[in-house]
């Protein structure tokens, strides 16, 4: 079980993530930013359910939708989204590549795609995000009409991504990935719409 990821993590910019990981590797948490958009944001992701060892790290992916869940006033970056893809190394560092998609001009960024490497270090083992009570996680998985709903495929590669919007306010998308008709993963993620 992925116990090492549970807790509070901080990067070199002073931004923090509080992560809670279940026994299947589903990650739920919140991100507090002090640069760019400032506020509290929803984090949803997935990881290998096994902690890192001396031989291998623990792969993970996280999504952050930059619309505040902490009551802060929305800004021009509130329709942006980040995907963190990386791993927790056996040395205790969480190294991720931040793929940021911007759809509006804000704080010197123009609409586009930006890539950045971030390293987080664990600050505490406390891991109870205050956002645990967000009601959509307990709701039945019912699609909400949206252009992202449907099957997105690359027939040449045998890859299909089936998606549906689950919560419009927070941008939560549910779905599954299949390769050559075999489901590889399923669960919630965060998306921009």
N, C-alpha and C. Protein backbone atom coordinates (compact mmCIF):
# COMPACT_ATOMS: atom_id res chain seq x y z
N UNK A 1 0.83 -1.18 0.00
CA UNK A 1 0.00 0.00 0.00
C UNK A 1 0.88 1.25 0.00
N UNK A 2 0.43 2.29 -0.68
CA UNK A 2 1.21 3.52 -0.87
C UNK A 2 1.11 4.46 0.32
N UNK A 3 1.76 4.10 1.41
CA UNK A 3 1.70 4.91 2.62
C UNK A 3 2.65 6.10 2.60
N UNK A 4 3.77 5.97 1.89
CA UNK A 4 4.78 7.02 1.90
C UNK A 4 4.24 8.31 1.26
N UNK A 5 3.38 8.19 0.25
CA UNK A 5 2.83 9.38 -0.41
C UNK A 5 1.87 10.17 0.48
N UNK A 6 1.23 9.50 1.44
CA UNK A 6 0.31 10.20 2.34
C UNK A 6 1.06 11.29 3.10
N UNK A 7 0.49 12.49 3.10
CA UNK A 7 1.11 13.56 3.86
C UNK A 7 1.17 14.87 3.11
N UNK A 8 1.96 15.78 3.64
CA UNK A 8 2.12 17.12 3.09
C UNK A 8 3.46 17.23 2.40
N UNK A 9 3.44 17.73 1.15
CA UNK A 9 4.63 17.86 0.31
C UNK A 9 4.81 19.31 -0.09
N UNK A 10 6.06 19.77 -0.16
CA UNK A 10 6.35 21.16 -0.52
C UNK A 10 7.39 21.21 -1.63
N UNK A 11 7.20 22.16 -2.59
CA UNK A 11 8.20 22.33 -3.65
C UNK A 11 9.05 23.56 -3.38
N UNK A 12 10.00 23.85 -4.26
CA UNK A 12 10.94 24.95 -4.04
C UNK A 12 10.28 26.32 -4.12
N UNK A 13 9.06 26.41 -4.67
CA UNK A 13 8.33 27.68 -4.72
C UNK A 13 7.55 27.93 -3.44
N UNK A 14 7.53 26.95 -2.52
CA UNK A 14 6.77 27.08 -1.28
C UNK A 14 5.33 26.62 -1.40
N UNK A 15 4.95 26.06 -2.54
CA UNK A 15 3.59 25.53 -2.71
C UNK A 15 3.53 24.15 -2.07
N UNK A 16 2.37 23.81 -1.50
CA UNK A 16 2.22 22.54 -0.80
C UNK A 16 1.06 21.72 -1.35
N UNK A 17 1.22 20.41 -1.25
CA UNK A 17 0.15 19.46 -1.56
C UNK A 17 -0.08 18.59 -0.34
N UNK A 18 -1.34 18.40 0.02
CA UNK A 18 -1.71 17.43 1.05
C UNK A 18 -2.36 16.28 0.31
N UNK A 19 -1.76 15.09 0.40
CA UNK A 19 -2.23 13.94 -0.37
C UNK A 19 -2.72 12.83 0.55
N UNK A 20 -3.80 12.17 0.11
CA UNK A 20 -4.34 11.01 0.80
C UNK A 20 -4.50 9.92 -0.26
N UNK A 21 -3.87 8.76 -0.05
CA UNK A 21 -3.84 7.69 -1.03
C UNK A 21 -4.59 6.48 -0.46
N UNK A 22 -5.51 5.90 -1.28
CA UNK A 22 -6.21 4.71 -0.80
C UNK A 22 -5.46 3.45 -1.21
N UNK A 23 -5.99 2.29 -0.82
CA UNK A 23 -5.29 1.02 -1.03
C UNK A 23 -5.15 0.63 -2.50
N UNK A 24 -5.95 1.23 -3.39
CA UNK A 24 -5.85 0.93 -4.82
C UNK A 24 -4.97 1.93 -5.57
N UNK A 25 -4.46 2.93 -4.87
CA UNK A 25 -3.59 3.93 -5.49
C UNK A 25 -4.30 5.19 -5.93
N UNK A 26 -5.60 5.34 -5.62
CA UNK A 26 -6.31 6.58 -5.94
C UNK A 26 -5.81 7.68 -5.02
N UNK A 27 -5.44 8.83 -5.58
CA UNK A 27 -4.92 9.96 -4.80
C UNK A 27 -5.94 11.07 -4.81
N UNK A 28 -6.20 11.61 -3.62
CA UNK A 28 -7.10 12.73 -3.47
C UNK A 28 -6.40 13.74 -2.58
N UNK A 29 -6.53 15.03 -2.89
CA UNK A 29 -5.89 16.01 -2.03
C UNK A 29 -6.18 17.43 -2.43
N UNK A 30 -5.36 18.31 -1.87
CA UNK A 30 -5.49 19.73 -2.20
C UNK A 30 -4.10 20.33 -2.34
N UNK A 31 -4.04 21.35 -3.17
CA UNK A 31 -2.80 22.03 -3.50
C UNK A 31 -2.96 23.47 -3.07
N UNK A 32 -1.98 23.99 -2.35
CA UNK A 32 -1.99 25.40 -1.95
C UNK A 32 -0.83 26.09 -2.65
N UNK A 33 -1.19 27.07 -3.47
CA UNK A 33 -0.18 27.78 -4.26
C UNK A 33 0.03 29.18 -3.70
N UNK A 34 1.28 29.63 -3.77
CA UNK A 34 1.64 30.98 -3.33
C UNK A 34 2.28 31.75 -4.47
N UNK A 35 2.31 31.17 -5.67
CA UNK A 35 2.85 31.83 -6.86
C UNK A 35 1.81 31.72 -7.96
N UNK A 36 1.80 32.64 -8.89
CA UNK A 36 0.79 32.61 -9.95
C UNK A 36 -0.59 32.75 -9.33
N UNK A 37 -1.46 31.78 -9.59
CA UNK A 37 -2.75 31.74 -8.93
C UNK A 37 -2.52 31.37 -7.47
N UNK A 38 -3.06 32.16 -6.56
CA UNK A 38 -2.90 31.84 -5.14
C UNK A 38 -4.24 31.36 -4.61
N UNK A 39 -4.21 30.26 -3.88
CA UNK A 39 -5.43 29.69 -3.33
C UNK A 39 -5.26 28.21 -3.05
N UNK A 40 -6.39 27.53 -2.91
CA UNK A 40 -6.44 26.10 -2.64
C UNK A 40 -7.14 25.42 -3.80
N UNK A 41 -6.55 24.33 -4.30
CA UNK A 41 -7.04 23.68 -5.51
C UNK A 41 -7.15 22.18 -5.31
N UNK A 42 -8.08 21.57 -6.03
CA UNK A 42 -8.32 20.14 -5.96
C UNK A 42 -7.22 19.37 -6.70
N UNK A 43 -6.75 18.28 -6.07
CA UNK A 43 -5.77 17.37 -6.68
C UNK A 43 -6.41 15.99 -6.73
N UNK A 44 -6.41 15.39 -7.91
CA UNK A 44 -6.88 14.01 -8.07
C UNK A 44 -5.84 13.28 -8.91
N UNK A 45 -5.55 12.03 -8.55
CA UNK A 45 -4.56 11.30 -9.32
C UNK A 45 -4.55 9.82 -9.00
N UNK A 46 -3.49 9.19 -9.45
CA UNK A 46 -3.34 7.75 -9.25
C UNK A 46 -1.86 7.42 -9.16
N UNK A 47 -1.53 6.36 -8.42
CA UNK A 47 -0.15 5.91 -8.30
C UNK A 47 -0.12 4.40 -8.23
N UNK A 48 1.06 3.85 -8.37
CA UNK A 48 1.25 2.44 -8.09
C UNK A 48 0.93 2.25 -6.61
N UNK A 49 0.18 1.20 -6.24
CA UNK A 49 -0.15 1.03 -4.82
C UNK A 49 1.02 0.56 -3.96
N UNK A 50 2.20 0.40 -4.54
CA UNK A 50 3.38 -0.03 -3.78
C UNK A 50 4.33 1.13 -3.55
N UNK A 51 4.81 1.25 -2.31
CA UNK A 51 5.79 2.28 -1.98
C UNK A 51 7.09 2.03 -2.74
N UNK A 52 7.93 3.08 -2.91
CA UNK A 52 9.21 2.88 -3.59
C UNK A 52 10.11 1.94 -2.79
N UNK A 53 11.00 1.28 -3.50
CA UNK A 53 11.99 0.40 -2.86
C UNK A 53 13.38 0.91 -3.22
N UNK A 54 14.39 0.21 -2.78
CA UNK A 54 15.76 0.63 -3.12
C UNK A 54 16.04 0.42 -4.61
N UNK A 55 15.22 -0.40 -5.28
CA UNK A 55 15.43 -0.68 -6.71
C UNK A 55 14.55 0.16 -7.63
N UNK A 56 13.33 0.47 -7.22
CA UNK A 56 12.39 1.18 -8.11
C UNK A 56 11.64 2.27 -7.36
N UNK A 57 11.31 3.33 -8.11
CA UNK A 57 10.48 4.39 -7.56
C UNK A 57 9.01 4.03 -7.65
N UNK A 58 8.17 4.95 -7.23
CA UNK A 58 6.72 4.76 -7.27
C UNK A 58 6.13 5.73 -8.29
N UNK A 59 5.66 5.24 -9.47
CA UNK A 59 5.11 6.13 -10.48
C UNK A 59 3.78 6.74 -10.01
N UNK A 60 3.54 7.99 -10.45
CA UNK A 60 2.30 8.66 -10.08
C UNK A 60 1.94 9.69 -11.13
N UNK A 61 0.66 10.03 -11.16
CA UNK A 61 0.16 11.10 -12.01
C UNK A 61 -0.88 11.87 -11.21
N UNK A 62 -0.82 13.19 -11.28
CA UNK A 62 -1.75 14.07 -10.55
C UNK A 62 -2.32 15.10 -11.51
N UNK A 63 -3.54 15.50 -11.28
CA UNK A 63 -4.16 16.58 -12.06
C UNK A 63 -4.60 17.67 -11.10
N UNK A 64 -4.34 18.91 -11.51
CA UNK A 64 -4.74 20.08 -10.72
C UNK A 64 -5.51 21.01 -11.64
N UNK A 65 -6.72 21.31 -11.26
CA UNK A 65 -7.56 22.25 -12.00
C UNK A 65 -7.49 23.57 -11.24
N UNK A 66 -7.03 24.61 -11.87
CA UNK A 66 -6.70 25.86 -11.19
C UNK A 66 -7.91 26.75 -10.92
N UNK A 67 -9.03 26.14 -10.54
CA UNK A 67 -10.19 26.89 -10.05
C UNK A 67 -10.25 26.64 -8.54
N UNK A 68 -10.18 27.70 -7.77
CA UNK A 68 -10.06 27.58 -6.33
C UNK A 68 -11.25 26.86 -5.70
N UNK A 69 -10.94 26.00 -4.72
CA UNK A 69 -11.96 25.36 -3.90
C UNK A 69 -11.94 25.92 -2.48
N UNK A 70 -11.10 26.93 -2.27
CA UNK A 70 -10.95 27.49 -0.93
C UNK A 70 -11.70 28.79 -0.71
N UNK A 71 -12.57 29.16 -1.64
CA UNK A 71 -13.35 30.38 -1.48
C UNK A 71 -12.67 31.62 -2.03
N UNK A 72 -11.44 31.48 -2.56
CA UNK A 72 -10.76 32.64 -3.14
C UNK A 72 -11.49 33.07 -4.42
N UNK A 73 -11.40 34.34 -4.73
CA UNK A 73 -12.00 34.89 -5.95
C UNK A 73 -11.33 34.29 -7.18
N UNK A 74 -12.10 33.84 -8.20
CA UNK A 74 -11.47 33.33 -9.42
C UNK A 74 -10.63 34.41 -10.10
N UNK A 75 -9.55 33.98 -10.75
CA UNK A 75 -8.72 34.91 -11.51
C UNK A 75 -8.67 34.44 -12.95
N UNK A 76 -7.86 35.09 -13.78
CA UNK A 76 -7.80 34.73 -15.21
C UNK A 76 -7.13 33.39 -15.46
N UNK A 77 -6.57 32.77 -14.43
CA UNK A 77 -5.98 31.44 -14.58
C UNK A 77 -6.91 30.33 -14.11
N UNK A 78 -8.17 30.65 -13.80
CA UNK A 78 -9.07 29.66 -13.22
C UNK A 78 -9.58 28.61 -14.20
N UNK A 79 -9.18 28.68 -15.47
CA UNK A 79 -9.53 27.65 -16.44
C UNK A 79 -8.30 26.88 -16.91
N UNK A 80 -7.19 27.06 -16.22
CA UNK A 80 -5.98 26.33 -16.55
C UNK A 80 -6.00 24.95 -15.89
N UNK A 81 -5.13 24.07 -16.35
CA UNK A 81 -5.01 22.75 -15.75
C UNK A 81 -3.55 22.31 -15.82
N UNK A 82 -3.12 21.59 -14.79
CA UNK A 82 -1.77 21.00 -14.76
C UNK A 82 -1.88 19.49 -14.61
N UNK A 83 -0.98 18.80 -15.26
CA UNK A 83 -0.82 17.37 -15.04
C UNK A 83 0.60 17.16 -14.55
N UNK A 84 0.73 16.54 -13.39
CA UNK A 84 2.03 16.19 -12.85
C UNK A 84 2.25 14.71 -13.11
N UNK A 85 3.32 14.37 -13.79
CA UNK A 85 3.64 12.98 -14.07
C UNK A 85 5.07 12.75 -13.60
N UNK A 86 5.27 11.73 -12.78
CA UNK A 86 6.61 11.48 -12.28
C UNK A 86 6.65 10.32 -11.34
N UNK A 87 7.53 10.43 -10.33
CA UNK A 87 7.64 9.33 -9.38
C UNK A 87 8.18 9.81 -8.04
N UNK A 88 7.87 9.01 -7.04
CA UNK A 88 8.46 9.18 -5.72
C UNK A 88 9.70 8.30 -5.70
N UNK A 89 10.87 8.93 -5.56
CA UNK A 89 12.13 8.20 -5.55
C UNK A 89 12.35 7.56 -4.18
N UNK A 90 13.24 6.58 -4.13
CA UNK A 90 13.54 5.95 -2.86
C UNK A 90 14.32 6.87 -1.92
N UNK A 91 14.77 8.03 -2.43
CA UNK A 91 15.46 9.01 -1.57
C UNK A 91 14.47 9.99 -0.92
N UNK A 92 13.17 9.80 -1.17
CA UNK A 92 12.15 10.64 -0.54
C UNK A 92 11.75 11.86 -1.33
N UNK A 93 12.31 12.06 -2.52
CA UNK A 93 11.92 13.18 -3.37
C UNK A 93 10.83 12.75 -4.35
N UNK A 94 9.82 13.59 -4.48
CA UNK A 94 8.80 13.39 -5.50
C UNK A 94 9.17 14.31 -6.66
N UNK A 95 9.59 13.72 -7.76
CA UNK A 95 10.00 14.49 -8.93
C UNK A 95 8.93 14.34 -10.00
N UNK A 96 8.39 15.48 -10.46
CA UNK A 96 7.32 15.45 -11.46
C UNK A 96 7.62 16.43 -12.58
N UNK A 97 7.06 16.15 -13.74
CA UNK A 97 7.05 17.09 -14.85
C UNK A 97 5.68 17.73 -14.85
N UNK A 98 5.63 19.04 -14.71
CA UNK A 98 4.38 19.79 -14.72
C UNK A 98 4.09 20.18 -16.16
N UNK A 99 3.01 19.64 -16.70
CA UNK A 99 2.54 20.03 -18.02
C UNK A 99 1.34 20.95 -17.80
N UNK A 100 1.57 22.25 -17.94
CA UNK A 100 0.56 23.27 -17.69
C UNK A 100 -0.06 23.71 -19.00
N UNK A 101 -1.40 23.66 -19.07
CA UNK A 101 -2.12 24.14 -20.25
C UNK A 101 -2.84 25.42 -19.84
N UNK A 102 -2.51 26.52 -20.53
CA UNK A 102 -3.12 27.81 -20.24
C UNK A 102 -4.05 28.19 -21.38
N UNK A 103 -5.21 28.72 -21.03
CA UNK A 103 -6.20 29.07 -22.04
C UNK A 103 -6.49 30.56 -22.09
N UNK A 104 -5.89 31.30 -21.15
CA UNK A 104 -6.07 32.75 -21.09
C UNK A 104 -4.73 33.39 -20.75
N UNK A 105 -4.57 34.66 -21.05
CA UNK A 105 -3.38 35.40 -20.65
C UNK A 105 -3.51 35.76 -19.17
N UNK A 106 -2.44 35.50 -18.41
CA UNK A 106 -2.47 35.79 -16.97
C UNK A 106 -1.05 35.71 -16.44
N UNK A 107 -0.64 36.69 -15.67
CA UNK A 107 0.65 36.71 -14.99
C UNK A 107 1.82 36.43 -15.94
N UNK A 108 1.79 37.02 -17.12
CA UNK A 108 2.88 36.89 -18.07
C UNK A 108 2.81 35.65 -18.96
N UNK A 109 1.83 34.77 -18.73
CA UNK A 109 1.65 33.59 -19.58
C UNK A 109 0.64 33.90 -20.67
N UNK A 110 0.94 33.45 -21.88
CA UNK A 110 0.00 33.51 -22.99
C UNK A 110 -0.64 32.14 -23.12
N UNK A 111 -1.80 32.04 -23.79
CA UNK A 111 -2.38 30.71 -23.98
C UNK A 111 -1.38 29.77 -24.65
N UNK A 112 -1.27 28.56 -24.11
CA UNK A 112 -0.33 27.59 -24.67
C UNK A 112 -0.02 26.48 -23.69
N UNK A 113 1.03 25.73 -23.98
CA UNK A 113 1.48 24.61 -23.16
C UNK A 113 2.85 24.93 -22.59
N UNK A 114 3.03 24.67 -21.30
CA UNK A 114 4.29 24.95 -20.62
C UNK A 114 4.72 23.71 -19.84
N UNK A 115 6.01 23.42 -19.88
CA UNK A 115 6.57 22.26 -19.20
C UNK A 115 7.59 22.74 -18.17
N UNK A 116 7.54 22.15 -16.97
CA UNK A 116 8.45 22.52 -15.89
C UNK A 116 8.71 21.28 -15.04
N UNK A 117 9.92 21.17 -14.52
CA UNK A 117 10.26 20.08 -13.59
C UNK A 117 10.13 20.62 -12.17
N UNK A 118 9.43 19.88 -11.32
CA UNK A 118 9.25 20.25 -9.92
C UNK A 118 9.71 19.11 -9.02
N UNK A 119 10.31 19.47 -7.90
CA UNK A 119 10.70 18.47 -6.91
C UNK A 119 10.04 18.83 -5.59
N UNK A 120 9.31 17.87 -5.03
CA UNK A 120 8.62 18.05 -3.75
C UNK A 120 9.33 17.22 -2.69
N UNK A 121 9.38 17.75 -1.48
CA UNK A 121 9.89 17.01 -0.34
C UNK A 121 8.80 16.94 0.72
N UNK A 122 8.80 15.84 1.46
CA UNK A 122 7.76 15.61 2.46
C UNK A 122 8.00 16.49 3.68
N UNK A 123 6.94 17.15 4.12
CA UNK A 123 7.02 18.03 5.28
C UNK A 123 6.37 17.41 6.51
N UNK A 124 5.35 16.55 6.29
CA UNK A 124 4.59 15.98 7.39
C UNK A 124 3.88 14.73 6.90
N UNK A 125 3.57 13.82 7.81
CA UNK A 125 2.81 12.63 7.45
C UNK A 125 1.31 12.84 7.61
N UNK A 126 0.90 14.01 8.07
CA UNK A 126 -0.53 14.30 8.18
C UNK A 126 -1.13 14.31 6.78
N UNK A 127 -2.28 13.64 6.59
CA UNK A 127 -2.81 13.53 5.24
C UNK A 127 -4.34 13.53 5.19
N UNK A 128 -4.95 14.49 5.80
CA UNK A 128 -6.39 14.62 5.71
C UNK A 128 -6.75 15.94 5.06
N UNK A 129 -6.84 15.93 3.73
CA UNK A 129 -7.24 17.17 3.05
C UNK A 129 -8.61 17.62 3.50
N UNK A 130 -8.80 18.91 3.65
CA UNK A 130 -10.09 19.44 4.08
C UNK A 130 -11.15 19.27 3.02
N UNK A 131 -10.75 18.97 1.79
CA UNK A 131 -11.71 18.85 0.70
C UNK A 131 -12.37 17.47 0.66
N UNK A 132 -12.12 16.59 1.65
CA UNK A 132 -12.69 15.25 1.66
C UNK A 132 -14.22 15.28 1.54
N UNK A 133 -14.84 16.37 1.95
CA UNK A 133 -16.29 16.42 1.96
C UNK A 133 -16.89 16.91 0.64
N UNK A 134 -16.09 17.05 -0.41
CA UNK A 134 -16.65 17.50 -1.68
C UNK A 134 -17.62 16.44 -2.16
N UNK A 135 -18.87 16.82 -2.30
CA UNK A 135 -19.97 15.89 -2.50
C UNK A 135 -19.88 15.07 -3.79
N UNK A 136 -19.27 15.61 -4.84
CA UNK A 136 -19.30 14.89 -6.11
C UNK A 136 -18.58 13.56 -6.05
N UNK A 137 -17.63 13.38 -5.13
CA UNK A 137 -16.91 12.12 -5.06
C UNK A 137 -17.82 10.98 -4.62
N UNK A 138 -18.87 11.30 -3.85
CA UNK A 138 -19.80 10.28 -3.38
C UNK A 138 -21.00 10.11 -4.31
N UNK A 139 -21.17 11.01 -5.26
CA UNK A 139 -22.30 10.94 -6.17
C UNK A 139 -22.14 9.79 -7.15
N UNK A 140 -23.29 9.25 -7.62
CA UNK A 140 -23.20 8.24 -8.69
C UNK A 140 -22.48 8.82 -9.90
N UNK A 141 -21.78 7.98 -10.62
CA UNK A 141 -21.01 8.42 -11.78
C UNK A 141 -21.94 8.62 -12.97
N UNK A 142 -22.61 9.77 -13.01
CA UNK A 142 -23.57 10.09 -14.06
C UNK A 142 -22.98 11.17 -14.95
N UNK A 143 -22.93 10.92 -16.27
CA UNK A 143 -22.36 11.93 -17.17
C UNK A 143 -23.17 13.22 -17.21
N UNK A 144 -22.48 14.33 -17.31
CA UNK A 144 -23.09 15.64 -17.52
C UNK A 144 -22.75 16.03 -18.95
N UNK A 145 -23.74 16.53 -19.69
CA UNK A 145 -23.51 16.87 -21.10
C UNK A 145 -22.31 17.80 -21.25
N UNK A 146 -21.37 17.42 -22.12
CA UNK A 146 -20.16 18.20 -22.35
C UNK A 146 -19.48 17.68 -23.61
N UNK A 147 -18.83 18.56 -24.38
CA UNK A 147 -18.14 18.10 -25.59
C UNK A 147 -17.03 17.09 -25.34
N UNK A 148 -16.51 16.99 -24.12
CA UNK A 148 -15.44 16.01 -23.86
C UNK A 148 -15.97 14.59 -23.74
N UNK A 149 -17.28 14.44 -23.49
CA UNK A 149 -17.87 13.11 -23.35
C UNK A 149 -17.72 12.31 -24.63
N UNK A 150 -17.36 11.04 -24.50
CA UNK A 150 -17.27 10.17 -25.65
C UNK A 150 -15.99 9.36 -25.65
N UNK A 151 -15.78 8.69 -26.76
CA UNK A 151 -14.60 7.84 -26.93
C UNK A 151 -13.63 8.56 -27.85
N UNK A 152 -12.41 8.74 -27.38
CA UNK A 152 -11.33 9.39 -28.13
C UNK A 152 -10.33 8.30 -28.47
N UNK A 153 -10.04 8.13 -29.75
CA UNK A 153 -9.23 6.97 -30.09
C UNK A 153 -8.11 7.29 -31.07
N UNK A 154 -7.09 6.46 -30.99
CA UNK A 154 -6.01 6.42 -31.95
C UNK A 154 -6.00 4.99 -32.48
N UNK A 155 -6.76 4.78 -33.53
CA UNK A 155 -6.95 3.41 -34.06
C UNK A 155 -5.62 2.79 -34.50
N UNK A 156 -4.72 3.61 -35.02
CA UNK A 156 -3.42 3.10 -35.47
C UNK A 156 -2.64 2.49 -34.31
N UNK A 157 -2.73 3.10 -33.12
CA UNK A 157 -2.01 2.62 -31.94
C UNK A 157 -2.85 1.67 -31.08
N UNK A 158 -4.16 1.55 -31.38
CA UNK A 158 -5.03 0.68 -30.59
C UNK A 158 -5.39 1.25 -29.23
N UNK A 159 -5.36 2.59 -29.11
CA UNK A 159 -5.62 3.25 -27.83
C UNK A 159 -6.99 3.93 -27.89
N UNK A 160 -7.78 3.76 -26.83
CA UNK A 160 -9.05 4.46 -26.68
C UNK A 160 -9.15 5.05 -25.29
N UNK A 161 -9.66 6.27 -25.23
CA UNK A 161 -9.89 6.95 -23.98
C UNK A 161 -11.37 7.30 -23.93
N UNK A 162 -12.09 6.68 -23.01
CA UNK A 162 -13.53 6.93 -22.84
C UNK A 162 -13.71 7.89 -21.68
N UNK A 163 -14.33 9.04 -21.93
CA UNK A 163 -14.44 10.09 -20.93
C UNK A 163 -15.86 10.60 -20.78
N UNK A 164 -16.19 11.05 -19.55
CA UNK A 164 -17.42 11.81 -19.34
C UNK A 164 -17.22 12.76 -18.17
N UNK A 165 -17.81 13.94 -18.31
CA UNK A 165 -17.75 14.94 -17.25
C UNK A 165 -18.63 14.50 -16.10
N UNK A 166 -18.07 14.49 -14.90
CA UNK A 166 -18.80 14.08 -13.70
C UNK A 166 -19.24 15.27 -12.87
N UNK A 167 -18.42 16.33 -12.83
CA UNK A 167 -18.75 17.50 -12.02
C UNK A 167 -18.29 18.74 -12.77
N UNK A 168 -19.25 19.59 -13.14
CA UNK A 168 -18.92 20.76 -13.95
C UNK A 168 -18.21 21.85 -13.16
N UNK A 169 -18.58 22.04 -11.91
CA UNK A 169 -17.97 23.12 -11.13
C UNK A 169 -16.48 22.93 -10.93
N UNK A 170 -16.06 21.68 -10.62
CA UNK A 170 -14.65 21.42 -10.35
C UNK A 170 -13.92 20.76 -11.52
N UNK A 171 -14.63 20.49 -12.62
CA UNK A 171 -13.99 19.94 -13.80
C UNK A 171 -13.56 18.49 -13.67
N UNK A 172 -14.25 17.71 -12.85
CA UNK A 172 -13.87 16.31 -12.67
C UNK A 172 -14.41 15.48 -13.83
N UNK A 173 -13.49 14.75 -14.46
CA UNK A 173 -13.80 13.88 -15.58
C UNK A 173 -13.55 12.44 -15.13
N UNK A 174 -14.45 11.54 -15.50
CA UNK A 174 -14.30 10.13 -15.18
C UNK A 174 -14.14 9.36 -16.47
N UNK A 175 -13.52 8.21 -16.41
CA UNK A 175 -13.38 7.43 -17.62
C UNK A 175 -12.38 6.31 -17.49
N UNK A 176 -11.98 5.76 -18.63
CA UNK A 176 -11.02 4.67 -18.64
C UNK A 176 -10.20 4.71 -19.91
N UNK A 177 -9.03 4.12 -19.82
CA UNK A 177 -8.09 4.02 -20.93
C UNK A 177 -8.01 2.55 -21.32
N UNK A 178 -8.10 2.27 -22.61
CA UNK A 178 -7.94 0.89 -23.05
C UNK A 178 -6.89 0.83 -24.16
N UNK A 179 -6.19 -0.30 -24.19
CA UNK A 179 -5.17 -0.55 -25.20
C UNK A 179 -5.48 -1.91 -25.82
N UNK A 180 -5.70 -1.93 -27.13
CA UNK A 180 -6.10 -3.16 -27.83
C UNK A 180 -7.27 -3.84 -27.14
N UNK A 181 -8.29 -3.04 -26.81
CA UNK A 181 -9.55 -3.48 -26.20
C UNK A 181 -9.42 -4.01 -24.78
N UNK A 182 -8.29 -3.79 -24.12
CA UNK A 182 -8.13 -4.18 -22.72
C UNK A 182 -8.04 -2.92 -21.87
N UNK A 183 -8.91 -2.81 -20.86
CA UNK A 183 -8.93 -1.62 -20.00
C UNK A 183 -7.65 -1.60 -19.18
N UNK A 184 -6.91 -0.48 -19.28
CA UNK A 184 -5.64 -0.34 -18.58
C UNK A 184 -5.82 0.35 -17.23
N UNK A 185 -6.70 1.35 -17.18
CA UNK A 185 -6.95 2.07 -15.93
C UNK A 185 -8.27 2.79 -16.04
N UNK A 186 -8.84 3.08 -14.87
CA UNK A 186 -10.06 3.86 -14.84
C UNK A 186 -10.10 4.65 -13.55
N UNK A 187 -10.90 5.73 -13.58
CA UNK A 187 -11.04 6.55 -12.39
C UNK A 187 -11.16 8.01 -12.74
N UNK A 188 -11.27 8.84 -11.68
CA UNK A 188 -11.43 10.27 -11.86
C UNK A 188 -10.13 10.95 -12.21
N UNK A 189 -10.25 12.04 -12.91
CA UNK A 189 -9.14 12.95 -13.14
C UNK A 189 -9.70 14.35 -13.24
N UNK A 190 -8.84 15.31 -13.36
CA UNK A 190 -9.28 16.68 -13.47
C UNK A 190 -8.99 17.17 -14.87
N UNK A 191 -9.91 17.91 -15.44
CA UNK A 191 -9.75 18.35 -16.81
C UNK A 191 -10.25 19.77 -16.96
N UNK A 192 -9.79 20.42 -17.97
CA UNK A 192 -10.26 21.76 -18.31
C UNK A 192 -11.39 21.63 -19.32
N UNK A 193 -12.38 22.50 -19.25
CA UNK A 193 -13.47 22.47 -20.24
C UNK A 193 -13.85 23.87 -20.62
